[in-house]
């Protein structure tokens, strides 16, 4: 059920995946967790900037530990991204932000 840990396992198994980023909500702040699991406490605007630097729109914001599509949002801009992160954090403190595939 944990989307973040599932991505880590799939990556170690060398299974191709979409680009993603991992963030956490800690109180009123957010924490960006990089690929080496270093953590950086940030305001929401800084989280948005990091996501936009590392991923392309559309993006999907997902609570890490909820089933099905509960708390999942597809976003096309930074305003939607901020709302989606706040919404996903209502379901889990860990969140996965994935780059959408455009064909």
PDB file of N, CA and C in Angstrom:
ATOM      1  N   UNK A   1       0.808  -1.207   0.000  1.00  0.00           N
ATOM      2  CA  UNK A   1       0.000   0.000   0.000  1.00  0.00           C
ATOM      3  C   UNK A   1       0.847   1.266   0.000  1.00  0.00           C
ATOM      4  N   UNK A   2       2.108   1.208   0.399  1.00  0.00           N
ATOM      5  CA  UNK A   2       2.941   2.404   0.479  1.00  0.00           C
ATOM      6  C   UNK A   2       3.557   2.702  -0.888  1.00  0.00           C
ATOM      7  N   UNK A   3       3.068   3.746  -1.537  1.00  0.00           N
ATOM      8  CA  UNK A   3       3.517   4.075  -2.887  1.00  0.00           C
ATOM      9  C   UNK A   3       4.989   4.475  -2.935  1.00  0.00           C
ATOM     10  N   UNK A   4       5.463   5.209  -1.934  1.00  0.00           N
ATOM     11  CA  UNK A   4       6.869   5.629  -1.908  1.00  0.00           C
ATOM     12  C   UNK A   4       7.779   4.414  -1.810  1.00  0.00           C
ATOM     13  N   UNK A   5       7.514   3.513  -0.865  1.00  0.00           N
ATOM     14  CA  UNK A   5       8.363   2.331  -0.713  1.00  0.00           C
ATOM     15  C   UNK A   5       8.262   1.399  -1.911  1.00  0.00           C
ATOM     16  N   UNK A   6       7.085   1.320  -2.512  1.00  0.00           N
ATOM     17  CA  UNK A   6       6.931   0.491  -3.712  1.00  0.00           C
ATOM     18  C   UNK A   6       7.821   1.011  -4.827  1.00  0.00           C
ATOM     19  N   UNK A   7       7.872   2.330  -5.015  1.00  0.00           N
ATOM     20  CA  UNK A   7       8.741   2.905  -6.050  1.00  0.00           C
ATOM     21  C   UNK A   7      10.210   2.610  -5.762  1.00  0.00           C
ATOM     22  N   UNK A   8      10.602   2.654  -4.498  1.00  0.00           N
ATOM     23  CA  UNK A   8      11.988   2.354  -4.129  1.00  0.00           C
ATOM     24  C   UNK A   8      12.325   0.906  -4.485  1.00  0.00           C
ATOM     25  N   UNK A   9      11.437  -0.004  -4.155  1.00  0.00           N
ATOM     26  CA  UNK A   9      11.666  -1.424  -4.458  1.00  0.00           C
ATOM     27  C   UNK A   9      11.738  -1.646  -5.968  1.00  0.00           C
ATOM     28  N   UNK A  10      10.824  -1.049  -6.718  1.00  0.00           N
ATOM     29  CA  UNK A  10      10.827  -1.204  -8.169  1.00  0.00           C
ATOM     30  C   UNK A  10      12.091  -0.611  -8.788  1.00  0.00           C
ATOM     31  N   UNK A  11      12.550   0.512  -8.247  1.00  0.00           N
ATOM     32  CA  UNK A  11      13.780   1.131  -8.740  1.00  0.00           C
ATOM     33  C   UNK A  11      14.972   0.205  -8.511  1.00  0.00           C
ATOM     34  N   UNK A  12      15.057  -0.388  -7.330  1.00  0.00           N
ATOM     35  CA  UNK A  12      16.153  -1.308  -7.016  1.00  0.00           C
ATOM     36  C   UNK A  12      16.112  -2.547  -7.912  1.00  0.00           C
ATOM     37  N   UNK A  13      14.911  -2.923  -8.355  1.00  0.00           N
ATOM     38  CA  UNK A  13      14.752  -4.057  -9.265  1.00  0.00           C
ATOM     39  C   UNK A  13      14.960  -3.632 -10.722  1.00  0.00           C
ATOM     40  N   UNK A  14      15.298  -2.365 -10.926  1.00  0.00           N
ATOM     41  CA  UNK A  14      15.557  -1.786 -12.247  1.00  0.00           C
ATOM     42  C   UNK A  14      14.346  -1.852 -13.176  1.00  0.00           C
ATOM     43  N   UNK A  15      13.187  -1.626 -12.596  1.00  0.00           N
ATOM     44  CA  UNK A  15      11.956  -1.563 -13.371  1.00  0.00           C
ATOM     45  C   UNK A  15      11.679  -0.094 -13.684  1.00  0.00           C
ATOM     46  N   UNK A  16      11.515   0.216 -14.963  1.00  0.00           N
ATOM     47  CA  UNK A  16      11.317   1.601 -15.399  1.00  0.00           C
ATOM     48  C   UNK A  16      10.037   2.187 -14.800  1.00  0.00           C
ATOM     49  N   UNK A  17      10.123   3.467 -14.421  1.00  0.00           N
ATOM     50  CA  UNK A  17       9.001   4.169 -13.809  1.00  0.00           C
ATOM     51  C   UNK A  17       9.008   5.617 -14.255  1.00  0.00           C
ATOM     52  N   UNK A  18       7.923   6.301 -13.996  1.00  0.00           N
ATOM     53  CA  UNK A  18       7.881   7.735 -14.259  1.00  0.00           C
ATOM     54  C   UNK A  18       8.709   8.449 -13.190  1.00  0.00           C
ATOM     55  N   UNK A  19       9.177   9.649 -13.539  1.00  0.00           N
ATOM     56  CA  UNK A  19       9.919  10.454 -12.571  1.00  0.00           C
ATOM     57  C   UNK A  19       9.002  10.851 -11.423  1.00  0.00           C
ATOM     58  N   UNK A  20       9.581  10.905 -10.227  1.00  0.00           N
ATOM     59  CA  UNK A  20       8.764  11.248  -9.061  1.00  0.00           C
ATOM     60  C   UNK A  20       9.600  11.930  -7.991  1.00  0.00           C
ATOM     61  N   UNK A  21       8.906  12.537  -7.053  1.00  0.00           N
ATOM     62  CA  UNK A  21       9.513  13.179  -5.893  1.00  0.00           C
ATOM     63  C   UNK A  21       8.711  12.802  -4.659  1.00  0.00           C
ATOM     64  N   UNK A  22       9.387  12.813  -3.523  1.00  0.00           N
ATOM     65  CA  UNK A  22       8.809  12.398  -2.246  1.00  0.00           C
ATOM     66  C   UNK A  22       8.824  13.587  -1.296  1.00  0.00           C
ATOM     67  N   UNK A  23       7.669  13.890  -0.709  1.00  0.00           N
ATOM     68  CA  UNK A  23       7.574  14.964   0.272  1.00  0.00           C
ATOM     69  C   UNK A  23       6.785  14.468   1.481  1.00  0.00           C
ATOM     70  N   UNK A  24       6.979  15.152   2.601  1.00  0.00           N
ATOM     71  CA  UNK A  24       6.253  14.828   3.832  1.00  0.00           C
ATOM     72  C   UNK A  24       5.707  16.113   4.432  1.00  0.00           C
ATOM     73  N   UNK A  25       4.638  15.968   5.175  1.00  0.00           N
ATOM     74  CA  UNK A  25       4.073  17.098   5.929  1.00  0.00           C
ATOM     75  C   UNK A  25       4.448  16.891   7.388  1.00  0.00           C
ATOM     76  N   UNK A  26       5.071  17.883   7.977  1.00  0.00           N
ATOM     77  CA  UNK A  26       5.465  17.823   9.386  1.00  0.00           C
ATOM     78  C   UNK A  26       4.949  19.084  10.068  1.00  0.00           C
ATOM     79  N   UNK A  27       3.836  18.948  10.751  1.00  0.00           N
ATOM     80  CA  UNK A  27       3.220  20.124  11.361  1.00  0.00           C
ATOM     81  C   UNK A  27       2.716  21.054  10.278  1.00  0.00           C
ATOM     82  N   UNK A  28       3.150  22.311  10.317  1.00  0.00           N
ATOM     83  CA  UNK A  28       2.744  23.282   9.301  1.00  0.00           C
ATOM     84  C   UNK A  28       3.758  23.379   8.170  1.00  0.00           C
ATOM     85  N   UNK A  29       4.873  22.673   8.288  1.00  0.00           N
ATOM     86  CA  UNK A  29       5.938  22.703   7.282  1.00  0.00           C
ATOM     87  C   UNK A  29       5.879  21.445   6.428  1.00  0.00           C
ATOM     88  N   UNK A  30       6.631  21.494   5.351  1.00  0.00           N
ATOM     89  CA  UNK A  30       6.781  20.343   4.474  1.00  0.00           C
ATOM     90  C   UNK A  30       8.256  19.968   4.450  1.00  0.00           C
ATOM     91  N   UNK A  31       8.523  18.724   4.128  1.00  0.00           N
ATOM     92  CA  UNK A  31       9.895  18.237   4.052  1.00  0.00           C
ATOM     93  C   UNK A  31      10.082  17.605   2.682  1.00  0.00           C
ATOM     94  N   UNK A  32      11.090  18.073   1.964  1.00  0.00           N
ATOM     95  CA  UNK A  32      11.464  17.475   0.688  1.00  0.00           C
ATOM     96  C   UNK A  32      12.492  16.385   0.986  1.00  0.00           C
ATOM     97  N   UNK A  33      12.270  15.200   0.453  1.00  0.00           N
ATOM     98  CA  UNK A  33      13.184  14.075   0.649  1.00  0.00           C
ATOM     99  C   UNK A  33      13.813  13.767  -0.703  1.00  0.00           C
ATOM    100  N   UNK A  34      15.135  13.973  -0.814  1.00  0.00           N
ATOM    101  CA  UNK A  34      15.786  13.756  -2.106  1.00  0.00           C
ATOM    102  C   UNK A  34      16.069  12.271  -2.346  1.00  0.00           C
ATOM    103  N   UNK A  35      16.665  11.965  -3.479  1.00  0.00           N
ATOM    104  CA  UNK A  35      16.905  10.568  -3.885  1.00  0.00           C
ATOM    105  C   UNK A  35      17.858   9.832  -2.940  1.00  0.00           C
ATOM    106  N   UNK A  36      18.662  10.568  -2.162  1.00  0.00           N
ATOM    107  CA  UNK A  36      19.567   9.962  -1.175  1.00  0.00           C
ATOM    108  C   UNK A  36      18.953   9.985   0.227  1.00  0.00           C
ATOM    109  N   UNK A  37      17.674  10.328   0.303  1.00  0.00           N
ATOM    110  CA  UNK A  37      16.905  10.394   1.556  1.00  0.00           C
ATOM    111  C   UNK A  37      17.376  11.499   2.497  1.00  0.00           C
ATOM    112  N   UNK A  38      18.045  12.519   1.938  1.00  0.00           N
ATOM    113  CA  UNK A  38      18.339  13.716   2.707  1.00  0.00           C
ATOM    114  C   UNK A  38      17.049  14.514   2.809  1.00  0.00           C
ATOM    115  N   UNK A  39      16.797  15.093   3.958  1.00  0.00           N
ATOM    116  CA  UNK A  39      15.563  15.834   4.177  1.00  0.00           C
ATOM    117  C   UNK A  39      15.835  17.320   4.314  1.00  0.00           C
ATOM    118  N   UNK A  40      14.957  18.122   3.714  1.00  0.00           N
ATOM    119  CA  UNK A  40      15.073  19.578   3.796  1.00  0.00           C
ATOM    120  C   UNK A  40      13.698  20.145   4.133  1.00  0.00           C
ATOM    121  N   UNK A  41      13.598  20.825   5.264  1.00  0.00           N
ATOM    122  CA  UNK A  41      12.345  21.447   5.671  1.00  0.00           C
ATOM    123  C   UNK A  41      12.091  22.678   4.816  1.00  0.00           C
ATOM    124  N   UNK A  42      10.859  22.814   4.305  1.00  0.00           N
ATOM    125  CA  UNK A  42      10.530  23.888   3.373  1.00  0.00           C
ATOM    126  C   UNK A  42       9.133  24.429   3.630  1.00  0.00           C
ATOM    127  N   UNK A  43       8.922  25.637   3.172  1.00  0.00           N
ATOM    128  CA  UNK A  43       7.571  26.183   3.074  1.00  0.00           C
ATOM    129  C   UNK A  43       6.956  25.590   1.805  1.00  0.00           C
ATOM    130  N   UNK A  44       5.645  25.660   1.695  1.00  0.00           N
ATOM    131  CA  UNK A  44       4.956  25.068   0.541  1.00  0.00           C
ATOM    132  C   UNK A  44       5.443  25.671  -0.780  1.00  0.00           C
ATOM    133  N   UNK A  45       5.717  26.970  -0.816  1.00  0.00           N
ATOM    134  CA  UNK A  45       6.167  27.613  -2.065  1.00  0.00           C
ATOM    135  C   UNK A  45       7.504  27.040  -2.525  1.00  0.00           C
ATOM    136  N   UNK A  46       8.397  26.727  -1.586  1.00  0.00           N
ATOM    137  CA  UNK A  46       9.683  26.126  -1.946  1.00  0.00           C
ATOM    138  C   UNK A  46       9.487  24.704  -2.468  1.00  0.00           C
ATOM    139  N   UNK A  47       8.549  23.968  -1.873  1.00  0.00           N
ATOM    140  CA  UNK A  47       8.225  22.623  -2.361  1.00  0.00           C
ATOM    141  C   UNK A  47       7.736  22.705  -3.806  1.00  0.00           C
ATOM    142  N   UNK A  48       6.863  23.671  -4.084  1.00  0.00           N
ATOM    143  CA  UNK A  48       6.344  23.863  -5.446  1.00  0.00           C
ATOM    144  C   UNK A  48       7.503  24.120  -6.410  1.00  0.00           C
ATOM    145  N   UNK A  49       8.439  24.994  -6.016  1.00  0.00           N
ATOM    146  CA  UNK A  49       9.583  25.303  -6.875  1.00  0.00           C
ATOM    147  C   UNK A  49      10.425  24.061  -7.153  1.00  0.00           C
ATOM    148  N   UNK A  50      10.661  23.248  -6.137  1.00  0.00           N
ATOM    149  CA  UNK A  50      11.449  22.024  -6.315  1.00  0.00           C
ATOM    150  C   UNK A  50      10.735  21.067  -7.267  1.00  0.00           C
ATOM    151  N   UNK A  51       9.425  20.908  -7.098  1.00  0.00           N
ATOM    152  CA  UNK A  51       8.667  20.010  -7.978  1.00  0.00           C
ATOM    153  C   UNK A  51       8.751  20.498  -9.417  1.00  0.00           C
ATOM    154  N   UNK A  52       8.611  21.811  -9.622  1.00  0.00           N
ATOM    155  CA  UNK A  52       8.658  22.370 -10.980  1.00  0.00           C
ATOM    156  C   UNK A  52      10.050  22.278 -11.596  1.00  0.00           C
ATOM    157  N   UNK A  53      11.091  22.303 -10.782  1.00  0.00           N
ATOM    158  CA  UNK A  53      12.450  22.140 -11.296  1.00  0.00           C
ATOM    159  C   UNK A  53      12.715  20.705 -11.739  1.00  0.00           C
ATOM    160  N   UNK A  54      12.121  19.741 -11.027  1.00  0.00           N
ATOM    161  CA  UNK A  54      12.455  18.336 -11.243  1.00  0.00           C
ATOM    162  C   UNK A  54      11.447  17.548 -12.078  1.00  0.00           C
ATOM    163  N   UNK A  55      10.220  18.042 -12.180  1.00  0.00           N
ATOM    164  CA  UNK A  55       9.169  17.323 -12.898  1.00  0.00           C
ATOM    165  C   UNK A  55       8.461  18.258 -13.861  1.00  0.00           C
ATOM    166  N   UNK A  56       7.833  17.673 -14.872  1.00  0.00           N
ATOM    167  CA  UNK A  56       7.048  18.445 -15.839  1.00  0.00           C
ATOM    168  C   UNK A  56       5.555  18.230 -15.567  1.00  0.00           C
ATOM    169  N   UNK A  57       4.780  19.235 -15.939  1.00  0.00           N
ATOM    170  CA  UNK A  57       3.327  19.101 -15.883  1.00  0.00           C
ATOM    171  C   UNK A  57       2.858  18.300 -17.083  1.00  0.00           C
ATOM    172  N   UNK A  58       1.760  17.568 -16.951  1.00  0.00           N
ATOM    173  CA  UNK A  58       0.947  17.397 -15.766  1.00  0.00           C
ATOM    174  C   UNK A  58       1.654  16.522 -14.739  1.00  0.00           C
ATOM    175  N   UNK A  59       1.272  16.698 -13.478  1.00  0.00           N
ATOM    176  CA  UNK A  59       1.793  15.892 -12.373  1.00  0.00           C
ATOM    177  C   UNK A  59       0.615  15.272 -11.632  1.00  0.00           C
ATOM    178  N   UNK A  60       0.908  14.184 -10.950  1.00  0.00           N
ATOM    179  CA  UNK A  60      -0.066  13.545 -10.084  1.00  0.00           C
ATOM    180  C   UNK A  60       0.453  13.603  -8.660  1.00  0.00           C
ATOM    181  N   UNK A  61      -0.379  14.054  -7.738  1.00  0.00           N
ATOM    182  CA  UNK A  61      -0.030  14.125  -6.320  1.00  0.00           C
ATOM    183  C   UNK A  61      -0.839  13.044  -5.613  1.00  0.00           C
ATOM    184  N   UNK A  62      -0.124  12.178  -4.863  1.00  0.00           N
ATOM    185  CA  UNK A  62      -0.767  11.027  -4.242  1.00  0.00           C
ATOM    186  C   UNK A  62      -0.353  10.877  -2.787  1.00  0.00           C
ATOM    187  N   UNK A  63      -1.314  10.651  -1.894  1.00  0.00           N
ATOM    188  CA  UNK A  63      -0.930  10.244  -0.544  1.00  0.00           C
ATOM    189  C   UNK A  63      -0.234   8.886  -0.671  1.00  0.00           C
ATOM    190  N   UNK A  64       0.817   8.662   0.079  1.00  0.00           N
ATOM    191  CA  UNK A  64       1.581   7.428  -0.081  1.00  0.00           C
ATOM    192  C   UNK A  64       0.820   6.199   0.396  1.00  0.00           C
ATOM    193  N   UNK A  65       0.021   6.341   1.428  1.00  0.00           N
ATOM    194  CA  UNK A  65      -0.619   5.173   2.044  1.00  0.00           C
ATOM    195  C   UNK A  65      -2.138   5.191   1.986  1.00  0.00           C
ATOM    196  N   UNK A  66      -2.696   5.506   0.863  1.00  0.00           N
ATOM    197  CA  UNK A  66      -4.150   5.393   0.763  1.00  0.00           C
ATOM    198  C   UNK A  66      -4.466   4.504  -0.427  1.00  0.00           C
ATOM    199  N   UNK A  67      -5.589   3.863  -0.355  1.00  0.00           N
ATOM    200  CA  UNK A  67      -5.940   2.924  -1.398  1.00  0.00           C
ATOM    201  C   UNK A  67      -6.578   3.598  -2.590  1.00  0.00           C
ATOM    202  N   UNK A  68      -6.509   2.903  -3.710  1.00  0.00           N
ATOM    203  CA  UNK A  68      -7.239   3.310  -4.893  1.00  0.00           C
ATOM    204  C   UNK A  68      -6.843   4.732  -5.288  1.00  0.00           C
ATOM    205  N   UNK A  69      -7.803   5.589  -5.535  1.00  0.00           N
ATOM    206  CA  UNK A  69      -7.489   6.956  -5.955  1.00  0.00           C
ATOM    207  C   UNK A  69      -7.821   7.980  -4.870  1.00  0.00           C
ATOM    208  N   UNK A  70      -7.924   7.541  -3.628  1.00  0.00           N
ATOM    209  CA  UNK A  70      -8.267   8.432  -2.521  1.00  0.00           C
ATOM    210  C   UNK A  70      -7.176   9.494  -2.351  1.00  0.00           C
ATOM    211  N   UNK A  71      -7.564  10.755  -2.429  1.00  0.00           N
ATOM    212  CA  UNK A  71      -6.632  11.855  -2.211  1.00  0.00           C
ATOM    213  C   UNK A  71      -5.729  12.175  -3.379  1.00  0.00           C
ATOM    214  N   UNK A  72      -5.915  11.526  -4.531  1.00  0.00           N
ATOM    215  CA  UNK A  72      -5.060  11.723  -5.705  1.00  0.00           C
ATOM    216  C   UNK A  72      -5.597  12.879  -6.542  1.00  0.00           C
ATOM    217  N   UNK A  73      -4.669  13.717  -7.033  1.00  0.00           N
ATOM    218  CA  UNK A  73      -5.043  14.836  -7.896  1.00  0.00           C
ATOM    219  C   UNK A  73      -4.109  14.909  -9.093  1.00  0.00           C
ATOM    220  N   UNK A  74      -4.673  15.252 -10.244  1.00  0.00           N
ATOM    221  CA  UNK A  74      -3.879  15.563 -11.435  1.00  0.00           C
ATOM    222  C   UNK A  74      -3.810  17.080 -11.518  1.00  0.00           C
ATOM    223  N   UNK A  75      -2.591  17.610 -11.696  1.00  0.00           N
ATOM    224  CA  UNK A  75      -2.426  19.064 -11.705  1.00  0.00           C
ATOM    225  C   UNK A  75      -1.717  19.515 -12.977  1.00  0.00           C
ATOM    226  N   UNK A  76      -2.057  20.746 -13.406  1.00  0.00           N
ATOM    227  CA  UNK A  76      -1.492  21.287 -14.642  1.00  0.00           C
ATOM    228  C   UNK A  76      -0.714  22.583 -14.429  1.00  0.00           C
ATOM    229  N   UNK A  77      -0.716  23.113 -13.180  1.00  0.00           N
ATOM    230  CA  UNK A  77      -0.001  24.360 -12.911  1.00  0.00           C
ATOM    231  C   UNK A  77       0.321  24.449 -11.419  1.00  0.00           C
ATOM    232  N   UNK A  78       1.080  25.483 -11.048  1.00  0.00           N
ATOM    233  CA  UNK A  78       1.549  25.571  -9.660  1.00  0.00           C
ATOM    234  C   UNK A  78       0.425  25.848  -8.658  1.00  0.00           C
ATOM    235  N   UNK A  79      -0.611  26.539  -9.067  1.00  0.00           N
ATOM    236  CA  UNK A  79      -1.742  26.782  -8.163  1.00  0.00           C
ATOM    237  C   UNK A  79      -2.446  25.460  -7.841  1.00  0.00           C
ATOM    238  N   UNK A  80      -2.694  24.646  -8.861  1.00  0.00           N
ATOM    239  CA  UNK A  80      -3.310  23.333  -8.642  1.00  0.00           C
ATOM    240  C   UNK A  80      -2.395  22.426  -7.838  1.00  0.00           C
ATOM    241  N   UNK A  81      -1.085  22.540  -8.070  1.00  0.00           N
ATOM    242  CA  UNK A  81      -0.116  21.710  -7.348  1.00  0.00           C
ATOM    243  C   UNK A  81      -0.154  22.004  -5.850  1.00  0.00           C
ATOM    244  N   UNK A  82      -0.192  23.269  -5.493  1.00  0.00           N
ATOM    245  CA  UNK A  82      -0.258  23.635  -4.077  1.00  0.00           C
ATOM    246  C   UNK A  82      -1.527  23.086  -3.431  1.00  0.00           C
ATOM    247  N   UNK A  83      -2.659  23.253  -4.087  1.00  0.00           N
ATOM    248  CA  UNK A  83      -3.926  22.743  -3.547  1.00  0.00           C
ATOM    249  C   UNK A  83      -3.885  21.218  -3.418  1.00  0.00           C
ATOM    250  N   UNK A  84      -3.305  20.544  -4.412  1.00  0.00           N
ATOM    251  CA  UNK A  84      -3.251  19.080  -4.401  1.00  0.00           C
ATOM    252  C   UNK A  84      -2.355  18.551  -3.289  1.00  0.00           C
ATOM    253  N   UNK A  85      -1.239  19.227  -3.026  1.00  0.00           N
ATOM    254  CA  UNK A  85      -0.347  18.802  -1.934  1.00  0.00           C
ATOM    255  C   UNK A  85      -1.070  18.958  -0.597  1.00  0.00           C
ATOM    256  N   UNK A  86      -1.738  20.074  -0.412  1.00  0.00           N
ATOM    257  CA  UNK A  86      -2.488  20.293   0.833  1.00  0.00           C
ATOM    258  C   UNK A  86      -3.597  19.258   0.981  1.00  0.00           C
ATOM    259  N   UNK A  87      -4.270  18.949  -0.118  1.00  0.00           N
ATOM    260  CA  UNK A  87      -5.349  17.962  -0.093  1.00  0.00           C
ATOM    261  C   UNK A  87      -4.804  16.566   0.220  1.00  0.00           C
ATOM    262  N   UNK A  88      -3.739  16.148  -0.444  1.00  0.00           N
ATOM    263  CA  UNK A  88      -3.164  14.820  -0.214  1.00  0.00           C
ATOM    264  C   UNK A  88      -2.672  14.671   1.217  1.00  0.00           C
ATOM    265  N   UNK A  89      -2.183  15.764   1.801  1.00  0.00           N
ATOM    266  CA  UNK A  89      -1.676  15.691   3.180  1.00  0.00           C
ATOM    267  C   UNK A  89      -2.784  15.475   4.200  1.00  0.00           C
ATOM    268  N   UNK A  90      -4.032  15.612   3.791  1.00  0.00           N
ATOM    269  CA  UNK A  90      -5.160  15.302   4.677  1.00  0.00           C
ATOM    270  C   UNK A  90      -5.320  13.789   4.866  1.00  0.00           C
ATOM    271  N   UNK A  91      -4.754  13.007   3.943  1.00  0.00           N
ATOM    272  CA  UNK A  91      -4.904  11.554   3.971  1.00  0.00           C
ATOM    273  C   UNK A  91      -3.661  10.837   4.476  1.00  0.00           C
ATOM    274  N   UNK A  92      -2.491  11.451   4.326  1.00  0.00           N
ATOM    275  CA  UNK A  92      -1.234  10.849   4.767  1.00  0.00           C
ATOM    276  C   UNK A  92      -0.187  11.945   4.852  1.00  0.00           C
ATOM    277  N   UNK A  93       0.739  11.820   5.788  1.00  0.00           N
ATOM    278  CA  UNK A  93       1.805  12.829   5.885  1.00  0.00           C
ATOM    279  C   UNK A  93       2.879  12.613   4.824  1.00  0.00           C
ATOM    280  N   UNK A  94       2.962  11.402   4.252  1.00  0.00           N
ATOM    281  CA  UNK A  94       3.892  11.119   3.155  1.00  0.00           C
ATOM    282  C   UNK A  94       3.154  11.235   1.831  1.00  0.00           C
ATOM    283  N   UNK A  95       3.797  11.913   0.864  1.00  0.00           N
ATOM    284  CA  UNK A  95       3.159  12.101  -0.440  1.00  0.00           C
ATOM    285  C   UNK A  95       4.148  11.844  -1.562  1.00  0.00           C
ATOM    286  N   UNK A  96       3.608  11.372  -2.665  1.00  0.00           N
ATOM    287  CA  UNK A  96       4.378  11.101  -3.860  1.00  0.00           C
ATOM    288  C   UNK A  96       3.875  12.047  -4.943  1.00  0.00           C
ATOM    289  N   UNK A  97       4.795  12.718  -5.620  1.00  0.00           N
ATOM    290  CA  UNK A  97       4.435  13.565  -6.754  1.00  0.00           C
ATOM    291  C   UNK A  97       5.094  12.942  -7.979  1.00  0.00           C
ATOM    292  N   UNK A  98       4.267  12.566  -8.951  1.00  0.00           N
ATOM    293  CA  UNK A  98       4.776  11.889 -10.149  1.00  0.00           C
ATOM    294  C   UNK A  98       4.514  12.736 -11.395  1.00  0.00           C
ATOM    295  N   UNK A  99       5.459  12.652 -12.311  1.00  0.00           N
ATOM    296  CA  UNK A  99       5.313  13.316 -13.601  1.00  0.00           C
ATOM    297  C   UNK A  99       4.346  12.498 -14.451  1.00  0.00           C
ATOM    298  N   UNK A 100       3.387  13.183 -15.074  1.00  0.00           N
ATOM    299  CA  UNK A 100       2.453  12.491 -15.948  1.00  0.00           C
ATOM    300  C   UNK A 100       3.104  12.160 -17.270  1.00  0.00           C
ATOM    301  N   UNK A 101       2.592  11.155 -17.928  1.00  0.00           N
ATOM    302  CA  UNK A 101       3.088  10.763 -19.243  1.00  0.00           C
ATOM    303  C   UNK A 101       2.155  11.368 -20.285  1.00  0.00           C
ATOM    304  N   UNK A 102       2.731  12.164 -21.170  1.00  0.00           N
ATOM    305  CA  UNK A 102       1.953  12.800 -22.232  1.00  0.00           C
ATOM    306  C   UNK A 102       2.342  12.128 -23.544  1.00  0.00           C
ATOM    307  N   UNK A 103       1.347  11.627 -24.257  1.00  0.00           N
ATOM    308  CA  UNK A 103       1.612  10.949 -25.548  1.00  0.00           C
ATOM    309  C   UNK A 103       1.005  11.715 -26.669  1.00  0.00           C
TER     310      UNK A 103
END
